[in-house]
N, C-alpha and C. Protein backbone atom coordinates (compact mmCIF):
# COMPACT_ATOMS: atom_id res chain seq x y z
N ASN A 1 10.13 -30.59 32.53
CA ASN A 1 10.83 -29.35 32.27
C ASN A 1 11.70 -29.49 31.02
N ALA A 2 12.43 -28.46 30.68
CA ALA A 2 13.23 -28.46 29.45
C ALA A 2 14.35 -29.49 29.48
N GLU A 3 14.73 -29.96 30.67
CA GLU A 3 15.78 -30.99 30.78
C GLU A 3 15.23 -32.40 30.62
N GLY A 4 13.92 -32.53 30.48
CA GLY A 4 13.31 -33.84 30.25
C GLY A 4 12.74 -34.52 31.47
N TYR A 5 12.73 -33.84 32.62
CA TYR A 5 12.11 -34.42 33.81
C TYR A 5 10.60 -34.27 33.71
N ILE A 6 9.87 -35.34 34.04
CA ILE A 6 8.42 -35.35 33.96
C ILE A 6 7.87 -35.82 35.30
N LEU A 7 6.98 -35.01 35.87
CA LEU A 7 6.31 -35.34 37.12
C LEU A 7 5.03 -36.10 36.80
N THR A 8 4.80 -37.21 37.47
CA THR A 8 3.61 -38.03 37.24
C THR A 8 3.22 -38.70 38.56
N ASN A 9 2.28 -39.61 38.49
CA ASN A 9 1.89 -40.38 39.68
C ASN A 9 2.73 -41.63 39.82
N ASN A 10 3.01 -42.00 41.06
CA ASN A 10 3.72 -43.24 41.33
C ASN A 10 2.94 -44.44 40.81
N HIS A 11 1.62 -44.43 41.00
CA HIS A 11 0.84 -45.60 40.57
C HIS A 11 0.84 -45.78 39.05
N VAL A 12 1.23 -44.75 38.29
CA VAL A 12 1.32 -44.86 36.84
C VAL A 12 2.56 -45.65 36.44
N VAL A 13 3.66 -45.48 37.17
CA VAL A 13 4.93 -46.12 36.77
C VAL A 13 5.31 -47.31 37.64
N GLU A 14 4.63 -47.48 38.76
CA GLU A 14 4.95 -48.56 39.69
C GLU A 14 4.89 -49.92 38.98
N GLY A 15 5.96 -50.68 39.10
CA GLY A 15 6.02 -52.01 38.50
C GLY A 15 6.35 -52.03 37.02
N ALA A 16 6.57 -50.87 36.43
CA ALA A 16 6.86 -50.81 34.99
C ALA A 16 8.31 -51.21 34.73
N ASP A 17 8.51 -52.02 33.70
CA ASP A 17 9.86 -52.39 33.26
C ASP A 17 10.35 -51.46 32.16
N ASP A 18 9.47 -51.11 31.26
CA ASP A 18 9.81 -50.22 30.15
C ASP A 18 8.81 -49.08 30.12
N LEU A 19 9.32 -47.87 29.96
CA LEU A 19 8.46 -46.68 29.89
C LEU A 19 8.73 -45.95 28.59
N GLN A 20 7.68 -45.47 27.99
CA GLN A 20 7.80 -44.61 26.82
C GLN A 20 6.87 -43.42 27.01
N VAL A 21 7.32 -42.27 26.50
CA VAL A 21 6.56 -41.04 26.57
C VAL A 21 6.39 -40.53 25.15
N SER A 22 5.15 -40.21 24.79
CA SER A 22 4.87 -39.64 23.48
C SER A 22 4.56 -38.17 23.65
N ILE A 23 5.24 -37.36 22.85
CA ILE A 23 4.99 -35.92 22.82
C ILE A 23 4.77 -35.58 21.35
N GLY A 24 3.53 -35.31 21.01
CA GLY A 24 3.20 -35.10 19.61
C GLY A 24 3.48 -36.37 18.83
N LYS A 25 4.28 -36.25 17.79
CA LYS A 25 4.62 -37.41 16.95
C LYS A 25 5.88 -38.12 17.43
N ASP A 26 6.55 -37.58 18.44
CA ASP A 26 7.81 -38.15 18.93
C ASP A 26 7.55 -39.07 20.12
N THR A 27 8.27 -40.20 20.15
CA THR A 27 8.20 -41.12 21.28
C THR A 27 9.60 -41.29 21.84
N TYR A 28 9.69 -41.22 23.17
CA TYR A 28 10.97 -41.29 23.87
C TYR A 28 10.95 -42.44 24.87
N ASP A 29 12.07 -43.11 25.01
CA ASP A 29 12.24 -44.05 26.12
C ASP A 29 12.44 -43.21 27.38
N ALA A 30 11.89 -43.68 28.47
CA ALA A 30 11.98 -42.94 29.73
C ALA A 30 12.54 -43.84 30.82
N GLU A 31 13.17 -43.23 31.80
CA GLU A 31 13.66 -43.96 32.96
C GLU A 31 13.07 -43.33 34.22
N ILE A 32 12.89 -44.15 35.22
CA ILE A 32 12.37 -43.66 36.50
C ILE A 32 13.53 -43.03 37.27
N VAL A 33 13.36 -41.77 37.64
CA VAL A 33 14.36 -41.06 38.44
C VAL A 33 14.13 -41.35 39.91
N GLY A 34 12.86 -41.37 40.32
CA GLY A 34 12.52 -41.65 41.70
C GLY A 34 11.01 -41.77 41.87
N ARG A 35 10.63 -42.51 42.91
CA ARG A 35 9.21 -42.72 43.21
C ARG A 35 8.97 -42.48 44.68
N ASP A 36 7.80 -41.95 45.01
CA ASP A 36 7.41 -41.75 46.40
C ASP A 36 5.99 -42.26 46.60
N PRO A 37 5.84 -43.53 47.00
CA PRO A 37 4.50 -44.09 47.19
C PRO A 37 3.65 -43.33 48.21
N GLU A 38 4.27 -42.71 49.21
CA GLU A 38 3.50 -42.04 50.25
C GLU A 38 2.79 -40.79 49.77
N SER A 39 3.30 -40.16 48.71
CA SER A 39 2.61 -39.01 48.12
C SER A 39 1.99 -39.37 46.78
N ASP A 40 2.24 -40.59 46.31
CA ASP A 40 1.81 -41.08 45.00
C ASP A 40 2.38 -40.22 43.87
N LEU A 41 3.64 -39.81 44.03
CA LEU A 41 4.31 -39.03 43.00
C LEU A 41 5.56 -39.76 42.51
N ALA A 42 5.92 -39.50 41.27
CA ALA A 42 7.13 -40.06 40.69
C ALA A 42 7.68 -39.07 39.68
N VAL A 43 8.98 -39.17 39.44
CA VAL A 43 9.63 -38.38 38.40
C VAL A 43 10.29 -39.35 37.44
N ILE A 44 10.03 -39.14 36.15
CA ILE A 44 10.70 -39.90 35.11
C ILE A 44 11.49 -38.92 34.25
N LYS A 45 12.39 -39.44 33.40
CA LYS A 45 13.21 -38.56 32.57
C LYS A 45 13.31 -39.12 31.17
N ILE A 46 13.25 -38.21 30.21
CA ILE A 46 13.47 -38.55 28.81
C ILE A 46 14.64 -37.72 28.29
N ASP A 47 15.28 -38.19 27.25
CA ASP A 47 16.31 -37.42 26.56
C ASP A 47 15.69 -36.90 25.28
N GLY A 48 15.50 -35.61 25.21
CA GLY A 48 14.89 -35.01 24.03
C GLY A 48 15.48 -33.64 23.79
N LYS A 49 15.26 -33.13 22.61
CA LYS A 49 15.74 -31.81 22.24
C LYS A 49 14.56 -30.86 22.09
N ASN A 50 14.80 -29.60 22.38
CA ASN A 50 13.79 -28.56 22.24
C ASN A 50 12.51 -28.86 23.03
N LEU A 51 12.69 -29.38 24.22
CA LEU A 51 11.54 -29.67 25.09
C LEU A 51 11.04 -28.37 25.71
N THR A 52 9.75 -28.28 25.88
CA THR A 52 9.13 -27.10 26.47
C THR A 52 8.66 -27.45 27.88
N SER A 53 8.90 -26.56 28.81
CA SER A 53 8.44 -26.81 30.18
C SER A 53 7.15 -26.03 30.43
N ILE A 54 6.41 -26.49 31.42
CA ILE A 54 5.19 -25.80 31.84
C ILE A 54 5.53 -24.95 33.06
N SER A 55 4.93 -23.79 33.14
CA SER A 55 5.12 -22.93 34.31
C SER A 55 4.36 -23.52 35.49
N LEU A 56 4.99 -23.48 36.65
CA LEU A 56 4.35 -23.96 37.86
C LEU A 56 3.59 -22.82 38.51
N GLY A 57 2.35 -23.07 38.85
CA GLY A 57 1.54 -22.08 39.54
C GLY A 57 1.67 -22.22 41.04
N ASP A 58 0.79 -21.57 41.76
CA ASP A 58 0.77 -21.62 43.22
C ASP A 58 -0.58 -22.19 43.63
N SER A 59 -0.60 -23.47 44.00
CA SER A 59 -1.86 -24.12 44.35
C SER A 59 -2.49 -23.54 45.60
N ASP A 60 -1.71 -22.87 46.45
CA ASP A 60 -2.29 -22.22 47.63
C ASP A 60 -3.18 -21.05 47.23
N GLU A 61 -2.93 -20.47 46.06
CA GLU A 61 -3.70 -19.33 45.59
C GLU A 61 -4.99 -19.73 44.88
N LEU A 62 -5.16 -21.03 44.57
CA LEU A 62 -6.39 -21.50 43.93
C LEU A 62 -7.60 -21.19 44.81
N GLN A 63 -8.67 -20.80 44.17
CA GLN A 63 -9.91 -20.51 44.89
C GLN A 63 -11.00 -21.49 44.48
N VAL A 64 -11.83 -21.89 45.42
CA VAL A 64 -13.00 -22.71 45.10
C VAL A 64 -13.84 -21.91 44.11
N GLY A 65 -14.24 -22.55 43.02
CA GLY A 65 -15.00 -21.90 41.96
C GLY A 65 -14.14 -21.45 40.79
N GLU A 66 -12.82 -21.47 40.96
CA GLU A 66 -11.91 -21.08 39.88
C GLU A 66 -11.90 -22.15 38.78
N TRP A 67 -11.86 -21.71 37.53
CA TRP A 67 -11.81 -22.62 36.40
C TRP A 67 -10.44 -23.28 36.27
N VAL A 68 -10.46 -24.57 35.96
CA VAL A 68 -9.23 -25.34 35.71
C VAL A 68 -9.46 -26.27 34.52
N LEU A 69 -8.37 -26.73 33.95
CA LEU A 69 -8.39 -27.69 32.85
C LEU A 69 -7.65 -28.94 33.29
N ALA A 70 -8.22 -30.10 33.01
CA ALA A 70 -7.55 -31.38 33.28
C ALA A 70 -7.07 -31.94 31.95
N ILE A 71 -5.76 -32.16 31.85
CA ILE A 71 -5.16 -32.66 30.62
C ILE A 71 -4.74 -34.10 30.87
N GLY A 72 -5.06 -34.98 29.94
CA GLY A 72 -4.73 -36.38 30.16
C GLY A 72 -4.75 -37.19 28.90
N ASN A 73 -4.68 -38.49 29.11
CA ASN A 73 -4.58 -39.46 28.03
C ASN A 73 -5.46 -40.67 28.36
N PRO A 74 -6.79 -40.46 28.45
CA PRO A 74 -7.63 -41.58 28.82
C PRO A 74 -7.75 -42.59 27.69
N PHE A 75 -7.82 -43.84 28.07
CA PHE A 75 -8.03 -44.90 27.09
C PHE A 75 -7.03 -44.73 25.95
N ALA A 76 -5.74 -44.73 26.29
CA ALA A 76 -4.61 -44.28 25.47
C ALA A 76 -4.70 -44.59 23.98
N ALA A 77 -5.02 -45.79 23.62
CA ALA A 77 -5.01 -46.14 22.20
C ALA A 77 -6.16 -45.49 21.44
N VAL A 78 -7.18 -45.03 22.14
CA VAL A 78 -8.38 -44.51 21.48
C VAL A 78 -8.49 -43.00 21.60
N LEU A 79 -8.30 -42.47 22.80
CA LEU A 79 -8.54 -41.04 23.06
C LEU A 79 -7.31 -40.41 23.69
N ASP A 80 -6.29 -40.17 22.91
CA ASP A 80 -5.11 -39.54 23.49
C ASP A 80 -5.23 -38.02 23.45
N GLN A 81 -4.50 -37.38 24.32
CA GLN A 81 -4.39 -35.93 24.38
C GLN A 81 -5.74 -35.23 24.51
N THR A 82 -6.39 -35.43 25.66
CA THR A 82 -7.68 -34.79 25.90
C THR A 82 -7.55 -33.65 26.91
N VAL A 83 -8.47 -32.73 26.82
CA VAL A 83 -8.56 -31.62 27.76
C VAL A 83 -10.02 -31.48 28.16
N THR A 84 -10.26 -31.39 29.48
CA THR A 84 -11.61 -31.14 29.98
C THR A 84 -11.57 -29.93 30.89
N ALA A 85 -12.69 -29.25 31.01
CA ALA A 85 -12.77 -28.03 31.82
C ALA A 85 -13.72 -28.24 32.98
N GLY A 86 -13.43 -27.54 34.06
CA GLY A 86 -14.29 -27.58 35.23
C GLY A 86 -13.85 -26.52 36.22
N ILE A 87 -14.34 -26.64 37.43
CA ILE A 87 -13.97 -25.70 38.47
C ILE A 87 -13.30 -26.44 39.63
N VAL A 88 -12.64 -25.69 40.47
CA VAL A 88 -12.15 -26.22 41.74
C VAL A 88 -13.36 -26.32 42.65
N SER A 89 -13.68 -27.53 43.05
CA SER A 89 -14.86 -27.76 43.89
C SER A 89 -14.53 -27.65 45.37
N ALA A 90 -13.31 -28.03 45.74
CA ALA A 90 -12.88 -27.97 47.14
C ALA A 90 -11.36 -28.09 47.18
N LYS A 91 -10.80 -27.71 48.29
CA LYS A 91 -9.36 -27.85 48.52
C LYS A 91 -9.15 -28.55 49.85
N GLY A 92 -7.99 -29.19 49.99
CA GLY A 92 -7.65 -29.81 51.26
C GLY A 92 -8.40 -31.08 51.57
N ARG A 93 -8.88 -31.79 50.56
CA ARG A 93 -9.62 -33.03 50.78
C ARG A 93 -8.69 -34.10 51.34
N THR A 94 -9.14 -34.78 52.38
CA THR A 94 -8.36 -35.84 53.03
C THR A 94 -9.24 -37.06 53.25
N ASN A 95 -8.63 -38.12 53.77
CA ASN A 95 -9.32 -39.36 54.13
C ASN A 95 -10.04 -40.00 52.94
N LEU A 96 -9.40 -39.95 51.77
CA LEU A 96 -10.00 -40.50 50.56
C LEU A 96 -9.42 -41.85 50.18
N THR A 97 -8.20 -42.15 50.61
CA THR A 97 -7.51 -43.36 50.15
C THR A 97 -7.40 -44.43 51.23
N ARG A 98 -8.07 -44.23 52.34
CA ARG A 98 -8.04 -45.19 53.45
C ARG A 98 -6.60 -45.55 53.84
N GLY A 99 -5.75 -44.52 53.88
CA GLY A 99 -4.37 -44.70 54.32
C GLY A 99 -3.39 -45.17 53.26
N GLN A 100 -3.86 -45.43 52.04
CA GLN A 100 -2.94 -45.87 51.00
C GLN A 100 -1.96 -44.76 50.62
N ILE A 101 -2.41 -43.52 50.69
CA ILE A 101 -1.54 -42.36 50.44
C ILE A 101 -1.56 -41.54 51.73
N PRO A 102 -0.51 -41.66 52.55
CA PRO A 102 -0.52 -40.97 53.85
C PRO A 102 -0.58 -39.45 53.77
N PHE A 103 0.00 -38.85 52.70
CA PHE A 103 0.01 -37.40 52.59
C PHE A 103 -1.11 -36.95 51.66
N GLU A 104 -2.30 -36.75 52.23
CA GLU A 104 -3.46 -36.35 51.45
C GLU A 104 -3.77 -34.88 51.66
N ASP A 105 -3.91 -34.15 50.58
CA ASP A 105 -4.28 -32.74 50.60
C ASP A 105 -4.79 -32.41 49.20
N PHE A 106 -5.84 -33.08 48.76
CA PHE A 106 -6.25 -33.05 47.36
C PHE A 106 -7.06 -31.82 46.99
N ILE A 107 -6.87 -31.41 45.74
CA ILE A 107 -7.75 -30.44 45.09
C ILE A 107 -8.88 -31.26 44.47
N GLN A 108 -10.13 -30.90 44.76
CA GLN A 108 -11.26 -31.58 44.14
C GLN A 108 -11.74 -30.73 42.97
N THR A 109 -12.01 -31.38 41.85
CA THR A 109 -12.50 -30.68 40.67
C THR A 109 -13.60 -31.48 39.99
N ASP A 110 -14.46 -30.77 39.27
CA ASP A 110 -15.44 -31.47 38.44
C ASP A 110 -14.99 -31.56 36.99
N ALA A 111 -13.79 -31.06 36.67
CA ALA A 111 -13.22 -31.30 35.35
C ALA A 111 -13.05 -32.81 35.21
N ALA A 112 -13.48 -33.37 34.11
CA ALA A 112 -13.48 -34.82 33.95
C ALA A 112 -12.06 -35.37 34.01
N ILE A 113 -11.82 -36.19 35.04
CA ILE A 113 -10.58 -36.96 35.15
C ILE A 113 -11.03 -38.40 34.96
N ASN A 114 -10.70 -38.94 33.81
CA ASN A 114 -11.16 -40.27 33.44
C ASN A 114 -10.07 -41.30 33.69
N PRO A 115 -10.44 -42.58 33.71
CA PRO A 115 -9.41 -43.62 33.86
C PRO A 115 -8.34 -43.44 32.79
N GLY A 116 -7.09 -43.39 33.22
CA GLY A 116 -5.98 -43.16 32.31
C GLY A 116 -5.47 -41.73 32.34
N ASN A 117 -6.17 -40.84 33.03
CA ASN A 117 -5.72 -39.45 33.14
C ASN A 117 -4.74 -39.25 34.29
N SER A 118 -4.51 -40.27 35.10
CA SER A 118 -3.59 -40.13 36.23
C SER A 118 -2.24 -39.64 35.74
N GLY A 119 -1.67 -38.73 36.51
CA GLY A 119 -0.37 -38.18 36.18
C GLY A 119 -0.43 -37.00 35.24
N GLY A 120 -1.61 -36.69 34.75
CA GLY A 120 -1.77 -35.55 33.85
C GLY A 120 -1.83 -34.24 34.61
N ALA A 121 -1.84 -33.17 33.84
CA ALA A 121 -1.78 -31.83 34.41
C ALA A 121 -3.15 -31.27 34.73
N LEU A 122 -3.26 -30.61 35.87
CA LEU A 122 -4.38 -29.74 36.20
C LEU A 122 -3.84 -28.32 36.11
N VAL A 123 -4.36 -27.53 35.18
CA VAL A 123 -3.83 -26.19 34.95
C VAL A 123 -4.89 -25.13 35.20
N ASN A 124 -4.42 -23.96 35.60
CA ASN A 124 -5.32 -22.83 35.81
C ASN A 124 -5.51 -22.09 34.48
N MET A 125 -6.28 -21.04 34.48
CA MET A 125 -6.58 -20.31 33.24
C MET A 125 -5.40 -19.50 32.74
N ASN A 126 -4.31 -19.44 33.51
CA ASN A 126 -3.07 -18.82 33.03
C ASN A 126 -2.15 -19.85 32.39
N GLY A 127 -2.61 -21.11 32.31
CA GLY A 127 -1.78 -22.17 31.73
C GLY A 127 -0.71 -22.68 32.66
N GLU A 128 -0.84 -22.40 33.95
CA GLU A 128 0.15 -22.84 34.94
C GLU A 128 -0.28 -24.15 35.57
N LEU A 129 0.69 -25.02 35.79
CA LEU A 129 0.42 -26.30 36.45
C LEU A 129 0.11 -26.05 37.92
N VAL A 130 -1.10 -26.46 38.34
CA VAL A 130 -1.49 -26.27 39.74
C VAL A 130 -1.74 -27.59 40.45
N GLY A 131 -1.77 -28.70 39.69
CA GLY A 131 -1.99 -30.00 40.31
C GLY A 131 -1.66 -31.14 39.37
N ILE A 132 -1.52 -32.33 39.97
CA ILE A 132 -1.29 -33.57 39.22
C ILE A 132 -2.54 -34.43 39.38
N ASN A 133 -3.26 -34.67 38.28
CA ASN A 133 -4.48 -35.47 38.32
C ASN A 133 -4.15 -36.85 38.87
N THR A 134 -4.93 -37.31 39.85
CA THR A 134 -4.55 -38.51 40.57
C THR A 134 -5.63 -39.58 40.63
N MET A 135 -6.85 -39.18 40.91
CA MET A 135 -7.88 -40.22 41.09
C MET A 135 -9.26 -39.62 40.95
N ILE A 136 -10.25 -40.53 40.86
CA ILE A 136 -11.64 -40.14 40.82
C ILE A 136 -12.37 -40.84 41.95
N TYR A 137 -13.49 -40.29 42.30
CA TYR A 137 -14.41 -40.95 43.23
C TYR A 137 -15.60 -41.38 42.40
N SER A 138 -15.86 -42.69 42.38
CA SER A 138 -16.92 -43.18 41.53
C SER A 138 -17.38 -44.56 41.98
N SER A 139 -18.67 -44.77 41.98
CA SER A 139 -19.19 -46.10 42.26
C SER A 139 -19.21 -46.96 41.01
N SER A 140 -19.14 -46.32 39.84
CA SER A 140 -19.21 -47.05 38.58
C SER A 140 -17.84 -47.31 37.95
N GLY A 141 -16.80 -46.61 38.42
CA GLY A 141 -15.48 -46.71 37.81
C GLY A 141 -15.23 -45.67 36.75
N GLY A 142 -16.25 -44.93 36.36
CA GLY A 142 -16.11 -43.87 35.37
C GLY A 142 -16.27 -42.51 36.01
N ASN A 143 -16.05 -41.47 35.22
CA ASN A 143 -16.15 -40.11 35.72
C ASN A 143 -17.60 -39.77 36.10
N VAL A 144 -17.76 -39.25 37.31
CA VAL A 144 -19.07 -38.75 37.75
C VAL A 144 -18.95 -37.31 38.23
N GLY A 145 -17.85 -36.65 37.84
CA GLY A 145 -17.67 -35.25 38.19
C GLY A 145 -16.99 -35.01 39.52
N ILE A 146 -16.34 -36.05 40.06
CA ILE A 146 -15.62 -35.88 41.32
C ILE A 146 -14.21 -36.42 41.11
N GLY A 147 -13.27 -35.52 40.81
CA GLY A 147 -11.89 -35.90 40.57
C GLY A 147 -10.97 -35.19 41.53
N PHE A 148 -9.76 -35.73 41.67
CA PHE A 148 -8.82 -35.19 42.65
C PHE A 148 -7.43 -35.06 42.05
N ALA A 149 -6.74 -34.00 42.46
CA ALA A 149 -5.38 -33.73 42.01
C ALA A 149 -4.51 -33.39 43.21
N ILE A 150 -3.25 -33.77 43.13
CA ILE A 150 -2.27 -33.40 44.16
C ILE A 150 -1.85 -31.96 43.89
N PRO A 151 -1.94 -31.07 44.89
CA PRO A 151 -1.55 -29.67 44.69
C PRO A 151 -0.07 -29.56 44.30
N ILE A 152 0.22 -28.68 43.37
CA ILE A 152 1.60 -28.54 42.88
C ILE A 152 2.54 -28.06 43.99
N ASN A 153 2.06 -27.30 44.96
CA ASN A 153 2.96 -26.86 46.03
C ASN A 153 3.47 -28.05 46.84
N LEU A 154 2.65 -29.07 47.05
CA LEU A 154 3.10 -30.30 47.69
C LEU A 154 4.00 -31.08 46.73
N ALA A 155 3.58 -31.18 45.49
CA ALA A 155 4.32 -31.98 44.50
C ALA A 155 5.70 -31.40 44.20
N LYS A 156 5.83 -30.07 44.20
CA LYS A 156 7.13 -29.43 43.91
C LYS A 156 8.22 -29.91 44.86
N ASN A 157 7.90 -29.92 46.14
CA ASN A 157 8.87 -30.33 47.15
C ASN A 157 9.29 -31.78 46.94
N VAL A 158 8.32 -32.65 46.71
CA VAL A 158 8.62 -34.07 46.47
C VAL A 158 9.41 -34.21 45.18
N MET A 159 9.01 -33.50 44.12
CA MET A 159 9.69 -33.57 42.84
C MET A 159 11.17 -33.18 42.97
N GLU A 160 11.46 -32.10 43.67
CA GLU A 160 12.84 -31.65 43.83
C GLU A 160 13.67 -32.70 44.57
N GLN A 161 13.10 -33.32 45.60
CA GLN A 161 13.82 -34.36 46.33
C GLN A 161 14.07 -35.59 45.46
N LEU A 162 13.06 -35.97 44.66
CA LEU A 162 13.24 -37.14 43.78
C LEU A 162 14.32 -36.88 42.73
N ILE A 163 14.36 -35.66 42.18
CA ILE A 163 15.39 -35.33 41.18
C ILE A 163 16.77 -35.33 41.82
N GLN A 164 16.88 -34.79 43.03
CA GLN A 164 18.17 -34.68 43.69
C GLN A 164 18.70 -36.02 44.21
N SER A 165 17.80 -36.84 44.81
CA SER A 165 18.29 -38.06 45.48
C SER A 165 17.59 -39.35 45.08
N GLY A 166 16.55 -39.26 44.25
CA GLY A 166 15.82 -40.44 43.86
C GLY A 166 14.81 -40.94 44.89
N LYS A 167 14.73 -40.23 46.00
CA LYS A 167 13.75 -40.61 47.04
C LYS A 167 13.31 -39.39 47.79
């Protein structure tokens, strides 16, 4: 948001000693505000000026077949700032992490979510954040058109608690 809070995945920042966030040509040092391993969400914060926030959508209103964009940073040093398009393939996907993430309610999409896209935005055609890109299902380790995002309606509640109390 405009205050510098950034919602991402816990597995992206877990174990990190130093965090940096690049926005365009600017790089900021970041600190972890809070992490929630059970939802695989985390909030970090940067100090920046003239930051732009993204509008939050309503993931409950998403429809199977609706177009979405997955924004990410796969293979960071080579392919930064990518956008892929796809549709919502399913909602409410569970039993994908074998208990590693107890709160599962994933949006499934065929928009390419590649290794390194975790924590990126899943947006609807109105440019609203509707999910946090989290993982792929793949036997090869690469994108095969089955990606998953945490619905923003679940993430909003966790995000607000992490900002307020760090947990």
